[in-house]
Amino acid sequence: MSDLFTSTEPLRQLIDSRRQFDEALLQFTAAAQQSIRLFDADWQYPFYESQQWHAALETMLRSDRKRQLRVVLRDVDAASRRGERLKSLQRQYSSQVQIHLAIDDAARQQDTLFLADQLYCARRAVSAQPRGVVVAQDLPAIRPWQDRFEEIWAQSVVAITATVLGL
């Protein structure tokens, strides 16, 4: 897959492998200047805990305190038990990393949605399937997915926090 973010021309490309999806997430994360937004079933997808993506997320978050990582999961069990890199980012950048649990209709959805700023989108209609689409530099095509994520976010609840309360 070519560098998706080097062109200013709108791009829409079908993908049919997890490797292509991973490459798009990595490139879009590297290009992000404001926020990363992710909606998925859980945190079991291997790429999410990869050292390579963790480093890209950390670089993005470290470069500006206003940058954000917002994650909405339909099941947070894997993230809370085995998401060590995600929890590490949340502890280190507690004001920038938020992890929510999808409820109501969003909890029944099957897709994966990844957004970087307002310029990049990667989506798989079914989380368990490798096929999907990446869209770059096409604001009218990405806007509905941004709106959808914001609706899901508004209806979600905080799931994992950086601090542990208790005795």
N, C-alpha and C. Protein backbone atom coordinates (compact mmCIF):
# COMPACT_ATOMS: atom_id res chain seq x y z
N MET A 1 0.85 -1.17 0.00
CA MET A 1 0.00 0.00 0.00
C MET A 1 0.90 1.23 0.00
N SER A 2 0.61 2.15 -0.87
CA SER A 2 1.42 3.36 -0.97
C SER A 2 1.16 4.26 0.23
N ASP A 3 1.96 5.32 0.33
CA ASP A 3 1.73 6.27 1.41
C ASP A 3 0.40 6.97 1.17
N LEU A 4 -0.57 6.65 2.01
CA LEU A 4 -1.92 7.15 1.82
C LEU A 4 -2.07 8.63 2.16
N PHE A 5 -1.19 9.14 3.00
CA PHE A 5 -1.38 10.51 3.45
C PHE A 5 -0.45 11.50 2.78
N THR A 6 0.37 11.08 1.86
CA THR A 6 1.28 12.02 1.22
C THR A 6 0.58 12.83 0.12
N SER A 7 -0.49 12.33 -0.41
CA SER A 7 -1.21 13.03 -1.46
C SER A 7 -2.31 13.90 -0.85
N THR A 8 -2.59 15.01 -1.51
CA THR A 8 -3.71 15.84 -1.09
C THR A 8 -4.95 15.55 -1.92
N GLU A 9 -4.83 14.62 -2.83
CA GLU A 9 -5.96 14.20 -3.66
C GLU A 9 -6.83 13.22 -2.89
N PRO A 10 -8.16 13.31 -3.03
CA PRO A 10 -9.04 12.34 -2.37
C PRO A 10 -8.71 10.91 -2.83
N LEU A 11 -8.77 10.00 -1.87
CA LEU A 11 -8.47 8.61 -2.15
C LEU A 11 -9.52 7.73 -1.49
N ARG A 12 -9.98 6.76 -2.21
CA ARG A 12 -10.87 5.73 -1.66
C ARG A 12 -10.35 4.41 -2.20
N GLN A 13 -9.97 3.52 -1.31
CA GLN A 13 -9.36 2.27 -1.74
C GLN A 13 -9.94 1.10 -0.94
N LEU A 14 -10.36 0.07 -1.66
CA LEU A 14 -10.83 -1.13 -1.00
C LEU A 14 -9.63 -1.93 -0.51
N ILE A 15 -9.77 -2.53 0.64
CA ILE A 15 -8.71 -3.37 1.18
C ILE A 15 -9.29 -4.76 1.43
N ASP A 16 -8.44 -5.76 1.30
CA ASP A 16 -8.95 -7.13 1.48
C ASP A 16 -8.06 -7.98 2.38
N SER A 17 -7.20 -7.32 3.14
CA SER A 17 -6.36 -8.08 4.06
C SER A 17 -6.15 -7.29 5.35
N ARG A 18 -5.87 -8.01 6.40
CA ARG A 18 -5.59 -7.37 7.68
C ARG A 18 -4.29 -6.56 7.60
N ARG A 19 -3.34 -7.03 6.82
CA ARG A 19 -2.08 -6.30 6.65
C ARG A 19 -2.33 -4.92 6.06
N GLN A 20 -3.19 -4.82 5.06
CA GLN A 20 -3.51 -3.52 4.47
C GLN A 20 -4.22 -2.62 5.48
N PHE A 21 -5.10 -3.20 6.27
CA PHE A 21 -5.79 -2.43 7.30
C PHE A 21 -4.78 -1.90 8.33
N ASP A 22 -3.86 -2.77 8.75
CA ASP A 22 -2.83 -2.37 9.71
C ASP A 22 -1.95 -1.25 9.15
N GLU A 23 -1.56 -1.37 7.90
CA GLU A 23 -0.73 -0.34 7.27
C GLU A 23 -1.46 1.00 7.22
N ALA A 24 -2.75 0.96 6.90
CA ALA A 24 -3.54 2.20 6.85
C ALA A 24 -3.61 2.83 8.24
N LEU A 25 -3.87 2.04 9.28
CA LEU A 25 -3.93 2.58 10.63
C LEU A 25 -2.60 3.20 11.03
N LEU A 26 -1.53 2.54 10.68
CA LEU A 26 -0.20 3.06 11.03
C LEU A 26 0.08 4.38 10.30
N GLN A 27 -0.20 4.42 9.01
CA GLN A 27 0.05 5.65 8.24
C GLN A 27 -0.87 6.78 8.70
N PHE A 28 -2.13 6.47 8.95
CA PHE A 28 -3.06 7.51 9.38
C PHE A 28 -2.69 8.03 10.77
N THR A 29 -2.23 7.15 11.64
CA THR A 29 -1.80 7.58 12.98
C THR A 29 -0.60 8.51 12.87
N ALA A 30 0.33 8.16 12.01
CA ALA A 30 1.52 9.01 11.81
C ALA A 30 1.13 10.37 11.26
N ALA A 31 0.08 10.43 10.48
CA ALA A 31 -0.33 11.70 9.87
C ALA A 31 -1.23 12.54 10.78
N ALA A 32 -1.79 11.95 11.81
CA ALA A 32 -2.76 12.64 12.67
C ALA A 32 -2.13 13.84 13.38
N GLN A 33 -2.85 14.94 13.35
CA GLN A 33 -2.41 16.16 14.00
C GLN A 33 -3.33 16.56 15.16
N GLN A 34 -4.48 15.89 15.29
CA GLN A 34 -5.44 16.28 16.32
C GLN A 34 -5.94 15.09 17.12
N SER A 35 -6.49 14.09 16.44
CA SER A 35 -7.12 13.01 17.19
C SER A 35 -7.15 11.71 16.41
N ILE A 36 -7.20 10.65 17.19
CA ILE A 36 -7.45 9.30 16.68
C ILE A 36 -8.74 8.85 17.36
N ARG A 37 -9.67 8.34 16.58
CA ARG A 37 -10.92 7.81 17.13
C ARG A 37 -11.09 6.40 16.62
N LEU A 38 -11.39 5.48 17.52
CA LEU A 38 -11.52 4.08 17.16
C LEU A 38 -12.77 3.50 17.79
N PHE A 39 -13.57 2.83 16.98
CA PHE A 39 -14.75 2.09 17.45
C PHE A 39 -14.58 0.66 16.98
N ASP A 40 -14.59 -0.29 17.90
CA ASP A 40 -14.39 -1.69 17.53
C ASP A 40 -15.07 -2.60 18.55
N ALA A 41 -15.05 -3.88 18.24
CA ALA A 41 -15.70 -4.87 19.11
C ALA A 41 -14.98 -4.99 20.44
N ASP A 42 -13.68 -5.11 20.38
CA ASP A 42 -12.89 -5.32 21.60
C ASP A 42 -11.44 -4.96 21.30
N TRP A 43 -10.58 -5.29 22.18
CA TRP A 43 -9.16 -4.95 22.01
C TRP A 43 -8.36 -6.20 21.67
N GLN A 44 -8.99 -7.22 21.09
CA GLN A 44 -8.30 -8.47 20.80
C GLN A 44 -7.57 -8.47 19.46
N TYR A 45 -7.82 -7.49 18.62
CA TYR A 45 -7.15 -7.43 17.33
C TYR A 45 -5.64 -7.25 17.59
N PRO A 46 -4.78 -8.16 17.14
CA PRO A 46 -3.36 -8.16 17.51
C PRO A 46 -2.63 -6.85 17.23
N PHE A 47 -2.97 -6.17 16.16
CA PHE A 47 -2.27 -4.94 15.80
C PHE A 47 -2.40 -3.86 16.87
N TYR A 48 -3.53 -3.84 17.58
CA TYR A 48 -3.76 -2.81 18.58
C TYR A 48 -2.72 -2.83 19.69
N GLU A 49 -2.19 -3.99 20.00
CA GLU A 49 -1.18 -4.09 21.05
C GLU A 49 0.24 -4.24 20.47
N SER A 50 0.39 -4.00 19.18
CA SER A 50 1.71 -4.12 18.56
C SER A 50 2.62 -2.98 19.01
N GLN A 51 3.90 -3.26 19.09
CA GLN A 51 4.87 -2.25 19.48
C GLN A 51 4.89 -1.11 18.47
N GLN A 52 4.74 -1.45 17.21
CA GLN A 52 4.80 -0.46 16.13
C GLN A 52 3.67 0.57 16.26
N TRP A 53 2.44 0.09 16.48
CA TRP A 53 1.32 1.03 16.58
C TRP A 53 1.38 1.80 17.90
N HIS A 54 1.79 1.13 18.96
CA HIS A 54 1.95 1.79 20.25
C HIS A 54 2.94 2.95 20.13
N ALA A 55 4.04 2.73 19.45
CA ALA A 55 5.05 3.79 19.26
C ALA A 55 4.47 4.95 18.45
N ALA A 56 3.70 4.65 17.42
CA ALA A 56 3.09 5.71 16.60
C ALA A 56 2.08 6.51 17.43
N LEU A 57 1.28 5.83 18.24
CA LEU A 57 0.32 6.52 19.10
C LEU A 57 1.04 7.38 20.13
N GLU A 58 2.08 6.83 20.72
CA GLU A 58 2.83 7.58 21.73
C GLU A 58 3.48 8.83 21.11
N THR A 59 4.03 8.70 19.94
CA THR A 59 4.63 9.85 19.25
C THR A 59 3.59 10.92 19.00
N MET A 60 2.41 10.50 18.53
CA MET A 60 1.33 11.45 18.26
C MET A 60 0.90 12.16 19.54
N LEU A 61 0.70 11.43 20.61
CA LEU A 61 0.24 12.01 21.87
C LEU A 61 1.30 12.91 22.51
N ARG A 62 2.54 12.49 22.45
CA ARG A 62 3.64 13.24 23.07
C ARG A 62 3.89 14.57 22.37
N SER A 63 3.64 14.66 21.09
CA SER A 63 4.00 15.86 20.34
C SER A 63 3.12 17.07 20.65
N ASP A 64 1.94 16.85 21.22
CA ASP A 64 1.06 17.98 21.54
C ASP A 64 0.03 17.52 22.56
N ARG A 65 -0.07 18.24 23.65
CA ARG A 65 -0.99 17.86 24.73
C ARG A 65 -2.45 17.96 24.34
N LYS A 66 -2.74 18.61 23.23
CA LYS A 66 -4.13 18.73 22.78
C LYS A 66 -4.57 17.53 21.93
N ARG A 67 -3.64 16.70 21.54
CA ARG A 67 -3.98 15.53 20.72
C ARG A 67 -4.66 14.47 21.57
N GLN A 68 -5.61 13.78 20.96
CA GLN A 68 -6.43 12.84 21.71
C GLN A 68 -6.52 11.48 21.05
N LEU A 69 -6.67 10.47 21.89
CA LEU A 69 -6.99 9.11 21.47
C LEU A 69 -8.28 8.75 22.18
N ARG A 70 -9.34 8.55 21.40
CA ARG A 70 -10.64 8.17 21.97
C ARG A 70 -11.02 6.80 21.41
N VAL A 71 -11.28 5.87 22.30
CA VAL A 71 -11.59 4.49 21.92
C VAL A 71 -12.94 4.13 22.50
N VAL A 72 -13.81 3.56 21.66
CA VAL A 72 -15.09 3.01 22.12
C VAL A 72 -15.09 1.53 21.73
N LEU A 73 -15.26 0.69 22.73
CA LEU A 73 -15.28 -0.76 22.50
C LEU A 73 -16.65 -1.32 22.90
N ARG A 74 -17.06 -2.36 22.21
CA ARG A 74 -18.32 -3.02 22.57
C ARG A 74 -18.12 -3.99 23.73
N ASP A 75 -16.88 -4.41 23.94
CA ASP A 75 -16.52 -5.28 25.06
C ASP A 75 -15.14 -4.85 25.54
N VAL A 76 -15.04 -4.42 26.78
CA VAL A 76 -13.76 -3.90 27.28
C VAL A 76 -12.95 -4.94 28.05
N ASP A 77 -13.44 -6.16 28.15
CA ASP A 77 -12.76 -7.19 28.93
C ASP A 77 -11.31 -7.41 28.46
N ALA A 78 -11.12 -7.60 27.15
CA ALA A 78 -9.76 -7.84 26.62
C ALA A 78 -8.86 -6.63 26.87
N ALA A 79 -9.40 -5.44 26.72
CA ALA A 79 -8.60 -4.23 26.95
C ALA A 79 -8.19 -4.11 28.41
N SER A 80 -9.09 -4.41 29.31
CA SER A 80 -8.76 -4.26 30.73
C SER A 80 -7.85 -5.38 31.22
N ARG A 81 -7.93 -6.56 30.62
CA ARG A 81 -7.10 -7.68 31.06
C ARG A 81 -5.76 -7.78 30.33
N ARG A 82 -5.78 -7.55 29.00
CA ARG A 82 -4.57 -7.79 28.22
C ARG A 82 -4.10 -6.57 27.42
N GLY A 83 -4.74 -5.45 27.58
CA GLY A 83 -4.36 -4.25 26.83
C GLY A 83 -3.30 -3.44 27.54
N GLU A 84 -2.15 -4.06 27.78
CA GLU A 84 -1.10 -3.40 28.57
C GLU A 84 -0.58 -2.13 27.91
N ARG A 85 -0.42 -2.15 26.61
CA ARG A 85 0.09 -0.95 25.94
C ARG A 85 -0.96 0.16 25.94
N LEU A 86 -2.21 -0.21 25.76
CA LEU A 86 -3.28 0.79 25.81
C LEU A 86 -3.36 1.40 27.21
N LYS A 87 -3.33 0.57 28.23
CA LYS A 87 -3.40 1.09 29.61
C LYS A 87 -2.16 1.92 29.94
N SER A 88 -1.02 1.55 29.40
CA SER A 88 0.20 2.33 29.61
C SER A 88 0.05 3.72 29.01
N LEU A 89 -0.50 3.80 27.79
CA LEU A 89 -0.74 5.11 27.18
C LEU A 89 -1.71 5.92 28.02
N GLN A 90 -2.74 5.27 28.52
CA GLN A 90 -3.72 5.99 29.31
C GLN A 90 -3.12 6.52 30.62
N ARG A 91 -2.27 5.73 31.25
CA ARG A 91 -1.62 6.20 32.47
C ARG A 91 -0.67 7.37 32.18
N GLN A 92 0.08 7.25 31.10
CA GLN A 92 1.08 8.26 30.76
C GLN A 92 0.44 9.55 30.23
N TYR A 93 -0.66 9.41 29.49
CA TYR A 93 -1.32 10.57 28.86
C TYR A 93 -2.78 10.59 29.30
N SER A 94 -3.01 10.62 30.59
CA SER A 94 -4.36 10.44 31.15
C SER A 94 -5.36 11.48 30.67
N SER A 95 -4.93 12.68 30.40
CA SER A 95 -5.87 13.70 29.92
C SER A 95 -6.14 13.58 28.42
N GLN A 96 -5.37 12.74 27.72
CA GLN A 96 -5.49 12.63 26.27
C GLN A 96 -6.09 11.31 25.80
N VAL A 97 -6.11 10.30 26.64
CA VAL A 97 -6.58 8.96 26.23
C VAL A 97 -7.83 8.62 27.02
N GLN A 98 -8.90 8.33 26.29
CA GLN A 98 -10.17 7.97 26.90
C GLN A 98 -10.66 6.66 26.30
N ILE A 99 -11.13 5.76 27.17
CA ILE A 99 -11.62 4.46 26.73
C ILE A 99 -13.04 4.29 27.25
N HIS A 100 -13.97 4.13 26.33
CA HIS A 100 -15.38 4.02 26.67
C HIS A 100 -15.95 2.67 26.26
N LEU A 101 -17.10 2.36 26.83
CA LEU A 101 -17.86 1.16 26.51
C LEU A 101 -19.10 1.58 25.74
N ALA A 102 -19.32 0.94 24.59
CA ALA A 102 -20.52 1.21 23.79
C ALA A 102 -21.73 0.59 24.48
N ILE A 103 -22.83 1.31 24.44
CA ILE A 103 -24.07 0.78 25.00
C ILE A 103 -25.19 0.94 23.98
N ASP A 104 -26.31 0.35 24.28
CA ASP A 104 -27.52 0.43 23.45
C ASP A 104 -27.24 -0.07 22.03
N ASP A 105 -27.68 0.68 21.04
CA ASP A 105 -27.55 0.25 19.64
C ASP A 105 -26.11 0.06 19.21
N ALA A 106 -25.23 0.91 19.66
CA ALA A 106 -23.81 0.81 19.26
C ALA A 106 -23.19 -0.50 19.72
N ALA A 107 -23.65 -1.02 20.84
CA ALA A 107 -23.10 -2.28 21.35
C ALA A 107 -23.45 -3.46 20.47
N ARG A 108 -24.44 -3.30 19.62
CA ARG A 108 -24.86 -4.39 18.73
C ARG A 108 -24.27 -4.27 17.32
N GLN A 109 -23.55 -3.21 17.05
CA GLN A 109 -22.95 -3.04 15.72
C GLN A 109 -21.80 -4.02 15.52
N GLN A 110 -21.47 -4.30 14.27
CA GLN A 110 -20.44 -5.28 13.97
C GLN A 110 -19.19 -4.69 13.33
N ASP A 111 -19.18 -3.42 13.05
CA ASP A 111 -18.08 -2.84 12.26
C ASP A 111 -16.94 -2.33 13.11
N THR A 112 -15.86 -2.01 12.41
CA THR A 112 -14.71 -1.32 12.97
C THR A 112 -14.59 0.01 12.25
N LEU A 113 -14.41 1.07 13.01
CA LEU A 113 -14.30 2.40 12.43
C LEU A 113 -13.09 3.10 13.06
N PHE A 114 -12.19 3.55 12.21
CA PHE A 114 -10.98 4.26 12.65
C PHE A 114 -10.95 5.60 11.93
N LEU A 115 -10.78 6.67 12.70
CA LEU A 115 -10.71 8.01 12.13
C LEU A 115 -9.47 8.72 12.66
N ALA A 116 -8.78 9.39 11.78
CA ALA A 116 -7.64 10.22 12.16
C ALA A 116 -7.94 11.62 11.65
N ASP A 117 -8.03 12.55 12.59
CA ASP A 117 -8.41 13.92 12.26
C ASP A 117 -9.72 13.91 11.47
N GLN A 118 -9.85 14.85 10.56
CA GLN A 118 -11.03 14.87 9.69
C GLN A 118 -10.68 14.38 8.29
N LEU A 119 -9.46 13.85 8.14
CA LEU A 119 -8.97 13.55 6.80
C LEU A 119 -8.85 12.08 6.45
N TYR A 120 -8.87 11.20 7.45
CA TYR A 120 -8.56 9.80 7.19
C TYR A 120 -9.57 8.88 7.88
N CYS A 121 -9.96 7.85 7.17
CA CYS A 121 -10.92 6.89 7.70
C CYS A 121 -10.56 5.50 7.19
N ALA A 122 -10.62 4.53 8.09
CA ALA A 122 -10.50 3.12 7.71
C ALA A 122 -11.68 2.41 8.35
N ARG A 123 -12.36 1.60 7.57
CA ARG A 123 -13.57 0.96 8.08
C ARG A 123 -13.68 -0.46 7.56
N ARG A 124 -14.06 -1.36 8.46
CA ARG A 124 -14.42 -2.72 8.08
C ARG A 124 -15.87 -2.91 8.48
N ALA A 125 -16.71 -3.36 7.56
CA ALA A 125 -18.14 -3.52 7.84
C ALA A 125 -18.38 -4.57 8.92
N VAL A 126 -17.53 -5.58 8.97
CA VAL A 126 -17.61 -6.62 9.99
C VAL A 126 -16.22 -6.74 10.61
N SER A 127 -16.12 -6.51 11.91
CA SER A 127 -14.82 -6.51 12.58
C SER A 127 -14.03 -7.77 12.35
N ALA A 128 -14.70 -8.89 12.30
CA ALA A 128 -14.02 -10.18 12.16
C ALA A 128 -13.51 -10.45 10.75
N GLN A 129 -13.94 -9.67 9.79
CA GLN A 129 -13.54 -9.88 8.39
C GLN A 129 -12.43 -8.90 8.00
N PRO A 130 -11.50 -9.31 7.15
CA PRO A 130 -10.41 -8.42 6.76
C PRO A 130 -10.80 -7.35 5.74
N ARG A 131 -11.88 -7.55 5.01
CA ARG A 131 -12.25 -6.62 3.95
C ARG A 131 -12.75 -5.30 4.52
N GLY A 132 -12.39 -4.22 3.82
CA GLY A 132 -12.83 -2.90 4.25
C GLY A 132 -12.50 -1.85 3.23
N VAL A 133 -12.48 -0.61 3.69
CA VAL A 133 -12.19 0.52 2.82
C VAL A 133 -11.38 1.55 3.60
N VAL A 134 -10.47 2.20 2.90
CA VAL A 134 -9.76 3.34 3.47
C VAL A 134 -10.09 4.56 2.61
N VAL A 135 -10.26 5.68 3.29
CA VAL A 135 -10.60 6.93 2.63
C VAL A 135 -9.65 7.99 3.17
N ALA A 136 -9.08 8.77 2.29
CA ALA A 136 -8.17 9.83 2.70
C ALA A 136 -8.46 11.10 1.91
N GLN A 137 -8.34 12.23 2.60
CA GLN A 137 -8.45 13.55 1.96
C GLN A 137 -9.79 13.76 1.25
N ASP A 138 -10.85 13.14 1.75
CA ASP A 138 -12.18 13.27 1.13
C ASP A 138 -13.18 13.62 2.23
N LEU A 139 -13.23 14.90 2.58
CA LEU A 139 -14.05 15.36 3.69
C LEU A 139 -15.53 14.98 3.55
N PRO A 140 -16.15 15.15 2.38
CA PRO A 140 -17.57 14.77 2.27
C PRO A 140 -17.81 13.27 2.51
N ALA A 141 -16.87 12.44 2.12
CA ALA A 141 -17.04 11.00 2.32
C ALA A 141 -16.79 10.59 3.76
N ILE A 142 -15.92 11.32 4.45
CA ILE A 142 -15.56 10.97 5.83
C ILE A 142 -16.53 11.57 6.84
N ARG A 143 -17.14 12.68 6.54
CA ARG A 143 -18.01 13.39 7.48
C ARG A 143 -19.09 12.50 8.11
N PRO A 144 -19.82 11.68 7.34
CA PRO A 144 -20.85 10.83 7.97
C PRO A 144 -20.27 9.85 8.99
N TRP A 145 -19.06 9.38 8.74
CA TRP A 145 -18.42 8.46 9.69
C TRP A 145 -17.99 9.20 10.94
N GLN A 146 -17.56 10.44 10.80
CA GLN A 146 -17.23 11.26 11.97
C GLN A 146 -18.48 11.49 12.82
N ASP A 147 -19.56 11.83 12.15
CA ASP A 147 -20.82 12.07 12.86
C ASP A 147 -21.27 10.80 13.58
N ARG A 148 -21.14 9.68 12.92
CA ARG A 148 -21.52 8.41 13.54
C ARG A 148 -20.68 8.14 14.78
N PHE A 149 -19.36 8.34 14.67
CA PHE A 149 -18.51 8.12 15.84
C PHE A 149 -18.93 9.04 16.99
N GLU A 150 -19.19 10.30 16.70
CA GLU A 150 -19.56 11.24 17.75
C GLU A 150 -20.88 10.83 18.41
N GLU A 151 -21.82 10.29 17.65
CA GLU A 151 -23.07 9.78 18.23
C GLU A 151 -22.79 8.59 19.15
N ILE A 152 -21.95 7.69 18.71
CA ILE A 152 -21.58 6.53 19.53
C ILE A 152 -20.88 7.00 20.79
N TRP A 153 -19.96 7.94 20.64
CA TRP A 153 -19.22 8.48 21.79
C TRP A 153 -20.17 9.10 22.81
N ALA A 154 -21.12 9.89 22.33
CA ALA A 154 -22.06 10.57 23.22
C ALA A 154 -22.91 9.58 24.01
N GLN A 155 -23.16 8.41 23.44
CA GLN A 155 -24.00 7.41 24.10
C GLN A 155 -23.18 6.36 24.84
N SER A 156 -21.87 6.49 24.86
CA SER A 156 -21.03 5.50 25.53
C SER A 156 -20.73 5.96 26.96
N VAL A 157 -20.15 5.05 27.72
CA VAL A 157 -19.81 5.37 29.12
C VAL A 157 -18.33 5.08 29.34
N VAL A 158 -17.74 5.78 30.29
CA VAL A 158 -16.34 5.55 30.63
C VAL A 158 -16.18 4.11 31.08
N ALA A 159 -15.16 3.43 30.56
CA ALA A 159 -14.98 2.02 30.87
C ALA A 159 -13.68 1.75 31.63
N ILE A 160 -12.60 2.35 31.19
CA ILE A 160 -11.30 2.13 31.82
C ILE A 160 -10.71 3.50 32.13
N THR A 161 -10.27 3.66 33.36
CA THR A 161 -9.70 4.94 33.76
C THR A 161 -8.22 4.76 34.09
N ALA A 162 -7.51 5.86 34.10
CA ALA A 162 -6.08 5.82 34.36
C ALA A 162 -5.78 5.60 35.84
N THR A 163 -6.71 5.95 36.69
CA THR A 163 -6.50 5.78 38.13
C THR A 163 -7.38 4.67 38.66
N VAL A 164 -6.88 4.00 39.67
CA VAL A 164 -7.64 2.93 40.33
C VAL A 164 -8.06 3.43 41.69
N LEU A 165 -9.36 3.45 41.92
CA LEU A 165 -9.88 3.91 43.20
C LEU A 165 -10.12 2.71 44.10
N GLY A 166 -9.99 2.90 45.37
CA GLY A 166 -10.25 1.82 46.31
C GLY A 166 -9.27 1.87 47.45
N LEU A 167 -9.39 0.88 48.29
CA LEU A 167 -8.52 0.81 49.47
C LEU A 167 -7.23 0.10 49.17
